[in-house]
Amino acid sequence: MKTQPLSERCGILITPTGDERLSDIDMDEVIKLYKGKRPGRHMGNFFECVRDRSDPISDVFTHHRSMTACHICNLAILLKRKLRWDPKQEDFVGDQEASRMRSREQRKPYTITA
């Protein structure tokens, strides 16, 4: 049995040129979800935002939280135990070993100080 690509099952196909094929999805709702912009190329959206100083469809704050969840899960798998995470402090609660694994020593001259 051949599985349909996810894009076809969802009713929208985004091609490299930004053309859309719609079935059950209302394009006006998609544009509203995408902050008034048409879905299409990720890099094209980034360059558009650089030009007009608007926020990209894929904002850094949402992706930071999404990727943090992935990293926490990976650390729990590596440590083979449950972890408690404080999202305000962005640190593990009462677990120095897990906290040390949040980052690694930076190599000179590629260091970043904040």
N, C-alpha and C. Protein backbone atom coordinates (compact mmCIF):
# COMPACT_ATOMS: atom_id res chain seq x y z
N MET A 1 0.83 -1.18 0.00
CA MET A 1 0.00 0.00 0.00
C MET A 1 0.88 1.25 0.00
N LYS A 2 0.63 2.12 -0.96
CA LYS A 2 1.42 3.34 -1.06
C LYS A 2 0.77 4.45 -0.22
N THR A 3 1.59 5.13 0.59
CA THR A 3 1.11 6.21 1.44
C THR A 3 1.18 7.52 0.67
N GLN A 4 0.12 8.33 0.80
CA GLN A 4 0.11 9.65 0.18
C GLN A 4 1.07 10.58 0.92
N PRO A 5 1.74 11.47 0.19
CA PRO A 5 2.57 12.46 0.88
C PRO A 5 1.70 13.30 1.83
N LEU A 6 2.30 13.75 2.92
CA LEU A 6 1.58 14.54 3.91
C LEU A 6 0.93 15.76 3.28
N SER A 7 1.63 16.41 2.35
CA SER A 7 1.09 17.61 1.73
C SER A 7 -0.21 17.32 1.00
N GLU A 8 -0.33 16.14 0.38
CA GLU A 8 -1.56 15.79 -0.33
C GLU A 8 -2.66 15.42 0.65
N ARG A 9 -2.32 14.74 1.75
CA ARG A 9 -3.34 14.38 2.73
C ARG A 9 -3.91 15.61 3.41
N CYS A 10 -3.12 16.66 3.56
CA CYS A 10 -3.58 17.88 4.23
C CYS A 10 -4.35 18.79 3.29
N GLY A 11 -4.31 18.51 2.00
CA GLY A 11 -5.08 19.31 1.05
C GLY A 11 -4.35 20.51 0.51
N ILE A 12 -3.07 20.68 0.81
CA ILE A 12 -2.31 21.81 0.29
C ILE A 12 -0.92 21.33 -0.11
N LEU A 13 -0.48 21.81 -1.24
CA LEU A 13 0.86 21.46 -1.71
C LEU A 13 1.59 22.76 -1.96
N ILE A 14 2.71 22.93 -1.32
CA ILE A 14 3.52 24.13 -1.52
C ILE A 14 4.73 23.74 -2.33
N THR A 15 4.84 24.33 -3.50
CA THR A 15 5.93 24.00 -4.40
C THR A 15 7.03 25.04 -4.26
N PRO A 16 8.22 24.77 -4.82
CA PRO A 16 9.30 25.76 -4.71
C PRO A 16 8.96 27.12 -5.28
N THR A 17 7.98 27.19 -6.18
CA THR A 17 7.61 28.49 -6.75
C THR A 17 6.55 29.19 -5.94
N GLY A 18 6.01 28.52 -4.92
CA GLY A 18 5.00 29.14 -4.08
C GLY A 18 3.59 28.93 -4.58
N ASP A 19 3.38 28.11 -5.62
CA ASP A 19 2.04 27.84 -6.12
C ASP A 19 1.33 26.89 -5.17
N GLU A 20 0.04 27.10 -4.97
CA GLU A 20 -0.73 26.26 -4.07
C GLU A 20 -1.82 25.50 -4.82
N ARG A 21 -2.04 24.27 -4.38
CA ARG A 21 -3.16 23.48 -4.86
C ARG A 21 -4.06 23.26 -3.66
N LEU A 22 -5.30 23.74 -3.72
CA LEU A 22 -6.17 23.68 -2.56
C LEU A 22 -7.34 22.73 -2.81
N SER A 23 -7.79 22.08 -1.76
CA SER A 23 -9.01 21.31 -1.87
C SER A 23 -9.97 21.80 -0.80
N ASP A 24 -9.78 21.35 0.45
CA ASP A 24 -10.71 21.71 1.52
C ASP A 24 -10.26 22.93 2.32
N ILE A 25 -9.12 23.49 2.03
CA ILE A 25 -8.58 24.59 2.83
C ILE A 25 -8.90 25.92 2.18
N ASP A 26 -9.42 26.85 2.97
CA ASP A 26 -9.73 28.19 2.50
C ASP A 26 -8.45 29.02 2.52
N MET A 27 -8.04 29.52 1.36
CA MET A 27 -6.78 30.26 1.26
C MET A 27 -6.78 31.51 2.14
N ASP A 28 -7.93 32.15 2.32
CA ASP A 28 -7.98 33.33 3.18
C ASP A 28 -7.63 32.97 4.62
N GLU A 29 -8.05 31.79 5.07
CA GLU A 29 -7.72 31.34 6.42
C GLU A 29 -6.23 31.03 6.55
N VAL A 30 -5.66 30.46 5.49
CA VAL A 30 -4.22 30.17 5.50
C VAL A 30 -3.43 31.46 5.57
N ILE A 31 -3.81 32.45 4.79
CA ILE A 31 -3.11 33.74 4.78
C ILE A 31 -3.25 34.42 6.14
N LYS A 32 -4.41 34.31 6.78
CA LYS A 32 -4.58 34.88 8.13
C LYS A 32 -3.64 34.17 9.11
N LEU A 33 -3.57 32.85 9.03
CA LEU A 33 -2.67 32.08 9.89
C LEU A 33 -1.22 32.47 9.65
N TYR A 34 -0.87 32.78 8.41
CA TYR A 34 0.50 33.15 8.03
C TYR A 34 0.74 34.65 8.14
N LYS A 35 0.01 35.32 9.02
CA LYS A 35 0.21 36.74 9.32
C LYS A 35 0.08 37.64 8.09
N GLY A 36 -0.89 37.32 7.23
CA GLY A 36 -1.15 38.14 6.06
C GLY A 36 -0.27 37.84 4.87
N LYS A 37 0.57 36.83 4.97
CA LYS A 37 1.48 36.50 3.87
C LYS A 37 1.06 35.19 3.22
N ARG A 38 1.37 35.05 1.96
CA ARG A 38 1.06 33.81 1.25
C ARG A 38 2.11 32.77 1.58
N PRO A 39 1.69 31.53 1.82
CA PRO A 39 2.67 30.47 2.09
C PRO A 39 3.51 30.21 0.84
N GLY A 40 4.71 29.80 1.07
CA GLY A 40 5.60 29.52 -0.06
C GLY A 40 6.97 29.16 0.43
N ARG A 41 7.96 29.77 -0.17
CA ARG A 41 9.35 29.43 0.15
C ARG A 41 9.79 30.04 1.47
N HIS A 42 10.40 29.24 2.31
CA HIS A 42 10.86 29.68 3.62
C HIS A 42 11.90 30.79 3.49
N MET A 43 12.90 30.59 2.64
CA MET A 43 13.95 31.60 2.48
C MET A 43 13.39 32.87 1.83
N GLY A 44 12.45 32.71 0.91
CA GLY A 44 11.82 33.88 0.30
C GLY A 44 11.12 34.73 1.34
N ASN A 45 10.43 34.07 2.28
CA ASN A 45 9.77 34.79 3.37
C ASN A 45 10.78 35.51 4.24
N PHE A 46 11.90 34.85 4.51
CA PHE A 46 12.95 35.48 5.32
C PHE A 46 13.46 36.76 4.64
N PHE A 47 13.78 36.68 3.35
CA PHE A 47 14.30 37.86 2.65
C PHE A 47 13.24 38.96 2.55
N GLU A 48 11.99 38.58 2.37
CA GLU A 48 10.90 39.56 2.35
C GLU A 48 10.85 40.30 3.69
N CYS A 49 11.02 39.58 4.78
CA CYS A 49 10.99 40.20 6.11
C CYS A 49 12.19 41.10 6.36
N VAL A 50 13.33 40.73 5.80
CA VAL A 50 14.50 41.60 5.91
C VAL A 50 14.21 42.92 5.19
N ARG A 51 13.57 42.83 4.01
CA ARG A 51 13.27 44.04 3.25
C ARG A 51 12.24 44.92 3.95
N ASP A 52 11.12 44.31 4.42
CA ASP A 52 10.05 45.15 4.96
C ASP A 52 10.02 45.21 6.49
N ARG A 53 11.03 44.59 7.14
CA ARG A 53 11.19 44.62 8.60
C ARG A 53 10.00 44.03 9.36
N SER A 54 9.30 43.09 8.74
CA SER A 54 8.19 42.41 9.42
C SER A 54 8.69 41.10 10.03
N ASP A 55 7.85 40.49 10.84
CA ASP A 55 8.21 39.20 11.43
C ASP A 55 8.00 38.09 10.41
N PRO A 56 8.87 37.10 10.41
CA PRO A 56 8.68 35.97 9.50
C PRO A 56 7.52 35.09 9.95
N ILE A 57 7.00 34.29 9.03
CA ILE A 57 5.93 33.36 9.35
C ILE A 57 6.41 32.42 10.46
N SER A 58 7.62 31.92 10.34
CA SER A 58 8.21 31.04 11.35
C SER A 58 9.06 31.89 12.29
N ASP A 59 8.43 32.36 13.36
CA ASP A 59 9.15 33.28 14.24
C ASP A 59 10.12 32.53 15.16
N VAL A 60 11.13 33.23 15.60
CA VAL A 60 12.20 32.65 16.40
C VAL A 60 11.72 32.19 17.77
N PHE A 61 10.74 32.87 18.35
CA PHE A 61 10.27 32.53 19.69
C PHE A 61 9.56 31.18 19.71
N THR A 62 8.69 30.95 18.72
CA THR A 62 7.98 29.67 18.62
C THR A 62 8.96 28.55 18.37
N HIS A 63 9.90 28.76 17.50
CA HIS A 63 10.86 27.71 17.18
C HIS A 63 11.82 27.44 18.35
N HIS A 64 12.16 28.47 19.08
CA HIS A 64 13.01 28.26 20.26
C HIS A 64 12.32 27.31 21.23
N ARG A 65 11.05 27.56 21.54
CA ARG A 65 10.31 26.69 22.46
C ARG A 65 10.15 25.28 21.89
N SER A 66 9.88 25.17 20.61
CA SER A 66 9.72 23.85 19.98
C SER A 66 11.01 23.04 20.05
N MET A 67 12.12 23.68 19.72
CA MET A 67 13.40 22.97 19.73
C MET A 67 13.86 22.66 21.15
N THR A 68 13.52 23.54 22.10
CA THR A 68 13.86 23.27 23.50
C THR A 68 13.21 21.97 23.95
N ALA A 69 11.94 21.78 23.59
CA ALA A 69 11.24 20.54 23.96
C ALA A 69 11.95 19.32 23.38
N CYS A 70 12.41 19.42 22.14
CA CYS A 70 13.14 18.31 21.51
C CYS A 70 14.44 18.02 22.26
N HIS A 71 15.18 19.06 22.61
CA HIS A 71 16.45 18.87 23.32
C HIS A 71 16.23 18.26 24.71
N ILE A 72 15.18 18.71 25.40
CA ILE A 72 14.87 18.15 26.72
C ILE A 72 14.58 16.65 26.60
N CYS A 73 13.79 16.28 25.60
CA CYS A 73 13.48 14.86 25.39
C CYS A 73 14.74 14.06 25.08
N ASN A 74 15.61 14.60 24.25
CA ASN A 74 16.86 13.91 23.94
C ASN A 74 17.73 13.72 25.18
N LEU A 75 17.79 14.73 26.02
CA LEU A 75 18.58 14.60 27.25
C LEU A 75 17.97 13.56 28.20
N ALA A 76 16.65 13.52 28.28
CA ALA A 76 15.99 12.52 29.13
C ALA A 76 16.29 11.11 28.62
N ILE A 77 16.33 10.95 27.31
CA ILE A 77 16.67 9.64 26.73
C ILE A 77 18.12 9.29 27.05
N LEU A 78 19.03 10.24 26.88
CA LEU A 78 20.45 9.99 27.17
C LEU A 78 20.67 9.66 28.65
N LEU A 79 19.98 10.37 29.52
CA LEU A 79 20.17 10.17 30.96
C LEU A 79 19.31 9.02 31.50
N LYS A 80 18.38 8.56 30.69
CA LYS A 80 17.49 7.43 31.05
C LYS A 80 16.69 7.70 32.32
N ARG A 81 16.16 8.95 32.40
CA ARG A 81 15.31 9.29 33.54
C ARG A 81 14.44 10.49 33.19
N LYS A 82 13.42 10.71 34.02
CA LYS A 82 12.56 11.87 33.85
C LYS A 82 13.30 13.12 34.30
N LEU A 83 12.99 14.23 33.65
CA LEU A 83 13.61 15.51 33.99
C LEU A 83 12.52 16.53 34.28
N ARG A 84 12.79 17.46 35.18
CA ARG A 84 11.89 18.58 35.46
C ARG A 84 12.49 19.84 34.87
N TRP A 85 11.72 20.56 34.06
CA TRP A 85 12.21 21.74 33.34
C TRP A 85 11.47 22.99 33.82
N ASP A 86 12.21 24.04 34.10
CA ASP A 86 11.64 25.33 34.46
C ASP A 86 11.74 26.23 33.23
N PRO A 87 10.61 26.49 32.54
CA PRO A 87 10.67 27.28 31.30
C PRO A 87 11.05 28.75 31.51
N LYS A 88 10.78 29.28 32.69
CA LYS A 88 11.15 30.68 32.95
C LYS A 88 12.65 30.82 33.11
N GLN A 89 13.26 29.91 33.86
CA GLN A 89 14.71 29.93 34.06
C GLN A 89 15.46 29.25 32.91
N GLU A 90 14.73 28.48 32.11
CA GLU A 90 15.31 27.66 31.05
C GLU A 90 16.44 26.79 31.60
N ASP A 91 16.09 26.06 32.66
CA ASP A 91 17.06 25.18 33.31
C ASP A 91 16.32 24.02 33.96
N PHE A 92 17.06 22.96 34.22
CA PHE A 92 16.49 21.81 34.88
C PHE A 92 16.40 22.07 36.38
N VAL A 93 15.36 21.55 36.99
CA VAL A 93 15.12 21.75 38.42
C VAL A 93 15.84 20.66 39.20
N GLY A 94 16.81 21.06 40.03
CA GLY A 94 17.50 20.13 40.91
C GLY A 94 18.29 19.04 40.21
N ASP A 95 18.84 19.32 39.04
CA ASP A 95 19.58 18.29 38.30
C ASP A 95 20.79 18.92 37.62
N GLN A 96 21.90 18.96 38.34
CA GLN A 96 23.10 19.60 37.80
C GLN A 96 23.66 18.88 36.59
N GLU A 97 23.56 17.55 36.58
CA GLU A 97 24.08 16.80 35.44
C GLU A 97 23.32 17.17 34.17
N ALA A 98 22.01 17.23 34.24
CA ALA A 98 21.22 17.62 33.07
C ALA A 98 21.50 19.07 32.69
N SER A 99 21.64 19.94 33.69
CA SER A 99 21.92 21.36 33.41
C SER A 99 23.25 21.54 32.68
N ARG A 100 24.24 20.75 33.05
CA ARG A 100 25.54 20.84 32.37
C ARG A 100 25.44 20.42 30.90
N MET A 101 24.46 19.59 30.58
CA MET A 101 24.34 19.09 29.22
C MET A 101 23.57 20.04 28.30
N ARG A 102 23.09 21.16 28.84
CA ARG A 102 22.37 22.14 28.01
C ARG A 102 23.28 22.80 26.99
N SER A 103 24.55 22.87 27.28
CA SER A 103 25.51 23.49 26.36
C SER A 103 26.86 22.81 26.55
N ARG A 104 27.80 23.18 25.71
CA ARG A 104 29.15 22.64 25.85
C ARG A 104 30.15 23.78 25.74
N GLU A 105 31.37 23.50 26.12
CA GLU A 105 32.41 24.52 26.06
C GLU A 105 32.61 24.98 24.62
N GLN A 106 32.69 26.28 24.44
CA GLN A 106 32.87 26.83 23.10
C GLN A 106 34.34 26.84 22.71
N ARG A 107 34.58 26.60 21.44
CA ARG A 107 35.96 26.61 20.93
C ARG A 107 36.34 28.01 20.50
N LYS A 108 37.51 28.44 20.90
CA LYS A 108 38.03 29.73 20.47
C LYS A 108 38.50 29.60 19.03
N PRO A 109 38.33 30.56 18.20
CA PRO A 109 37.81 31.92 18.43
C PRO A 109 36.30 32.01 18.19
N TYR A 110 35.56 30.91 18.18
CA TYR A 110 34.14 30.91 17.84
C TYR A 110 33.26 31.02 19.07
N THR A 111 33.60 31.88 20.00
CA THR A 111 32.84 32.01 21.24
C THR A 111 31.81 33.12 21.10
N ILE A 112 30.72 32.97 21.83
CA ILE A 112 29.66 33.97 21.88
C ILE A 112 29.45 34.33 23.33
N THR A 113 29.48 35.61 23.64
CA THR A 113 29.20 36.05 25.00
C THR A 113 27.93 36.86 24.98
N ALA A 114 27.10 36.64 25.97
CA ALA A 114 25.82 37.37 26.03
C ALA A 114 25.69 38.08 27.36
